[in-house]
N, C-alpha and C. Protein backbone atom coordinates (compact mmCIF):
# COMPACT_ATOMS: atom_id res chain seq x y z
N MET A 1 -31.09 52.75 -95.77
CA MET A 1 -31.26 52.74 -97.20
C MET A 1 -32.73 52.56 -97.51
N ALA A 2 -33.11 53.02 -98.67
CA ALA A 2 -34.51 52.95 -99.08
C ALA A 2 -34.59 52.92 -100.60
N LYS A 3 -35.74 52.61 -101.11
CA LYS A 3 -35.95 52.65 -102.55
C LYS A 3 -35.66 54.05 -103.05
N PRO A 4 -35.06 54.25 -104.16
CA PRO A 4 -34.63 53.31 -105.17
C PRO A 4 -33.15 52.91 -105.08
N ASP A 5 -32.56 52.98 -103.90
CA ASP A 5 -31.16 52.56 -103.72
C ASP A 5 -31.00 51.09 -104.13
N ARG A 6 -30.09 50.83 -105.03
CA ARG A 6 -29.89 49.49 -105.57
C ARG A 6 -29.64 48.45 -104.47
N ARG A 7 -28.99 48.86 -103.39
CA ARG A 7 -28.65 47.91 -102.32
C ARG A 7 -29.88 47.27 -101.69
N ILE A 8 -30.98 48.01 -101.64
CA ILE A 8 -32.20 47.47 -101.04
C ILE A 8 -32.73 46.30 -101.86
N TYR A 9 -32.59 46.37 -103.18
CA TYR A 9 -33.04 45.29 -104.05
C TYR A 9 -32.09 44.10 -103.97
N GLU A 10 -30.80 44.37 -103.86
CA GLU A 10 -29.82 43.29 -103.68
C GLU A 10 -30.12 42.51 -102.41
N ILE A 11 -30.39 43.22 -101.33
CA ILE A 11 -30.68 42.57 -100.05
C ILE A 11 -31.99 41.78 -100.15
N ALA A 12 -33.00 42.35 -100.77
CA ALA A 12 -34.29 41.66 -100.91
C ALA A 12 -34.13 40.34 -101.67
N ALA A 13 -33.38 40.36 -102.76
CA ALA A 13 -33.15 39.13 -103.52
C ALA A 13 -32.36 38.12 -102.71
N GLN A 14 -31.37 38.60 -101.99
CA GLN A 14 -30.55 37.72 -101.17
C GLN A 14 -31.38 37.07 -100.06
N VAL A 15 -32.20 37.86 -99.37
CA VAL A 15 -33.04 37.33 -98.30
C VAL A 15 -34.05 36.32 -98.86
N ALA A 16 -34.56 36.59 -100.05
CA ALA A 16 -35.51 35.67 -100.68
C ALA A 16 -34.82 34.41 -101.20
N GLY A 17 -33.50 34.48 -101.31
CA GLY A 17 -32.76 33.33 -101.83
C GLY A 17 -33.00 33.12 -103.31
N ALA A 18 -33.20 34.23 -104.02
CA ALA A 18 -33.50 34.13 -105.45
C ALA A 18 -32.60 35.07 -106.25
N ALA A 19 -32.31 34.65 -107.45
CA ALA A 19 -31.57 35.52 -108.37
C ALA A 19 -32.47 36.68 -108.75
N PRO A 20 -31.90 37.85 -109.01
CA PRO A 20 -32.71 39.01 -109.37
C PRO A 20 -33.68 38.74 -110.53
N ASP A 21 -33.25 37.96 -111.52
CA ASP A 21 -34.14 37.70 -112.66
C ASP A 21 -35.31 36.79 -112.31
N ARG A 22 -35.35 36.30 -111.09
CA ARG A 22 -36.46 35.48 -110.61
C ARG A 22 -37.37 36.26 -109.66
N CYS A 23 -37.10 37.55 -109.50
CA CYS A 23 -37.87 38.39 -108.57
C CYS A 23 -38.84 39.29 -109.32
N LEU A 24 -40.00 39.50 -108.71
CA LEU A 24 -41.01 40.39 -109.25
C LEU A 24 -41.21 41.53 -108.26
N PHE A 25 -41.17 42.75 -108.76
CA PHE A 25 -41.37 43.94 -107.93
C PHE A 25 -42.50 44.75 -108.52
N VAL A 26 -43.51 45.06 -107.69
CA VAL A 26 -44.65 45.85 -108.12
C VAL A 26 -44.70 47.10 -107.25
N ASP A 27 -44.81 48.27 -107.88
CA ASP A 27 -44.81 49.51 -107.12
C ASP A 27 -45.57 50.58 -107.91
N ASP A 28 -46.06 51.57 -107.19
CA ASP A 28 -46.78 52.65 -107.85
C ASP A 28 -45.87 53.81 -108.26
N ARG A 29 -44.59 53.71 -107.95
CA ARG A 29 -43.64 54.75 -108.35
C ARG A 29 -42.77 54.25 -109.49
N LEU A 30 -42.86 54.90 -110.63
CA LEU A 30 -42.10 54.47 -111.80
C LEU A 30 -40.60 54.49 -111.54
N GLU A 31 -40.13 55.45 -110.76
CA GLU A 31 -38.70 55.53 -110.44
C GLU A 31 -38.22 54.24 -109.78
N ASP A 32 -39.02 53.70 -108.86
CA ASP A 32 -38.64 52.47 -108.17
C ASP A 32 -38.74 51.25 -109.09
N VAL A 33 -39.74 51.23 -109.94
CA VAL A 33 -39.89 50.13 -110.91
C VAL A 33 -38.69 50.12 -111.86
N GLN A 34 -38.30 51.29 -112.35
CA GLN A 34 -37.15 51.37 -113.26
C GLN A 34 -35.86 50.94 -112.57
N ALA A 35 -35.73 51.27 -111.29
CA ALA A 35 -34.53 50.87 -110.55
C ALA A 35 -34.44 49.36 -110.44
N THR A 36 -35.55 48.69 -110.20
CA THR A 36 -35.51 47.23 -110.10
C THR A 36 -35.18 46.61 -111.45
N ARG A 37 -35.69 47.20 -112.51
CA ARG A 37 -35.40 46.68 -113.85
C ARG A 37 -33.91 46.80 -114.16
N SER A 38 -33.30 47.91 -113.76
CA SER A 38 -31.87 48.08 -114.03
C SER A 38 -31.03 47.11 -113.21
N PHE A 39 -31.60 46.58 -112.14
CA PHE A 39 -30.92 45.58 -111.31
C PHE A 39 -31.14 44.17 -111.85
N GLY A 40 -32.07 44.01 -112.78
CA GLY A 40 -32.32 42.70 -113.38
C GLY A 40 -33.60 42.04 -112.91
N MET A 41 -34.35 42.72 -112.04
CA MET A 41 -35.63 42.19 -111.60
C MET A 41 -36.71 42.54 -112.61
N THR A 42 -37.83 41.85 -112.53
CA THR A 42 -38.99 42.23 -113.31
C THR A 42 -39.73 43.28 -112.50
N GLY A 43 -39.87 44.46 -113.06
CA GLY A 43 -40.56 45.56 -112.39
C GLY A 43 -41.86 45.88 -113.10
N VAL A 44 -42.94 45.94 -112.33
CA VAL A 44 -44.26 46.19 -112.90
C VAL A 44 -44.89 47.39 -112.19
N PRO A 45 -45.27 48.40 -112.94
CA PRO A 45 -45.94 49.54 -112.30
C PRO A 45 -47.37 49.17 -111.93
N PHE A 46 -47.83 49.68 -110.80
CA PHE A 46 -49.19 49.45 -110.33
C PHE A 46 -49.87 50.80 -110.16
N PHE A 47 -51.02 50.93 -110.76
CA PHE A 47 -51.82 52.15 -110.61
C PHE A 47 -53.20 51.72 -110.17
N GLU A 48 -53.58 52.14 -108.99
CA GLU A 48 -54.87 51.75 -108.44
C GLU A 48 -55.99 52.38 -109.25
N ARG A 49 -56.95 51.57 -109.53
CA ARG A 49 -58.13 52.08 -110.22
C ARG A 49 -59.25 52.17 -109.20
N ARG A 50 -59.74 53.35 -109.02
CA ARG A 50 -60.84 53.56 -108.08
C ARG A 50 -62.14 53.67 -108.86
N TRP A 51 -63.07 52.86 -108.46
CA TRP A 51 -64.37 52.85 -109.14
C TRP A 51 -65.26 53.93 -108.54
N THR A 52 -65.90 54.70 -109.38
CA THR A 52 -66.87 55.68 -108.89
C THR A 52 -68.24 55.04 -108.83
N SER A 53 -68.43 53.96 -109.55
CA SER A 53 -69.65 53.18 -109.46
C SER A 53 -69.28 51.71 -109.64
N PRO A 54 -70.13 50.80 -109.22
CA PRO A 54 -69.79 49.37 -109.35
C PRO A 54 -69.52 49.01 -110.80
N PRO A 55 -68.57 48.10 -111.03
CA PRO A 55 -68.30 47.69 -112.43
C PRO A 55 -69.50 46.95 -113.01
N HIS A 56 -69.65 47.01 -114.31
CA HIS A 56 -70.79 46.38 -114.98
C HIS A 56 -70.54 44.93 -115.20
């Protein structure tokens, strides 16, 4: 099994010993973030920002 299969999130929460609403999931794929949200986890999309020059 693999993301976004709901079972993978169930197992992750179980192994962590936490209720889904106490879990945070960060991923760069919106499909996977939405899947965690539908399971009751907090899902946050991550988009890497690449600097072309040093920040000011």
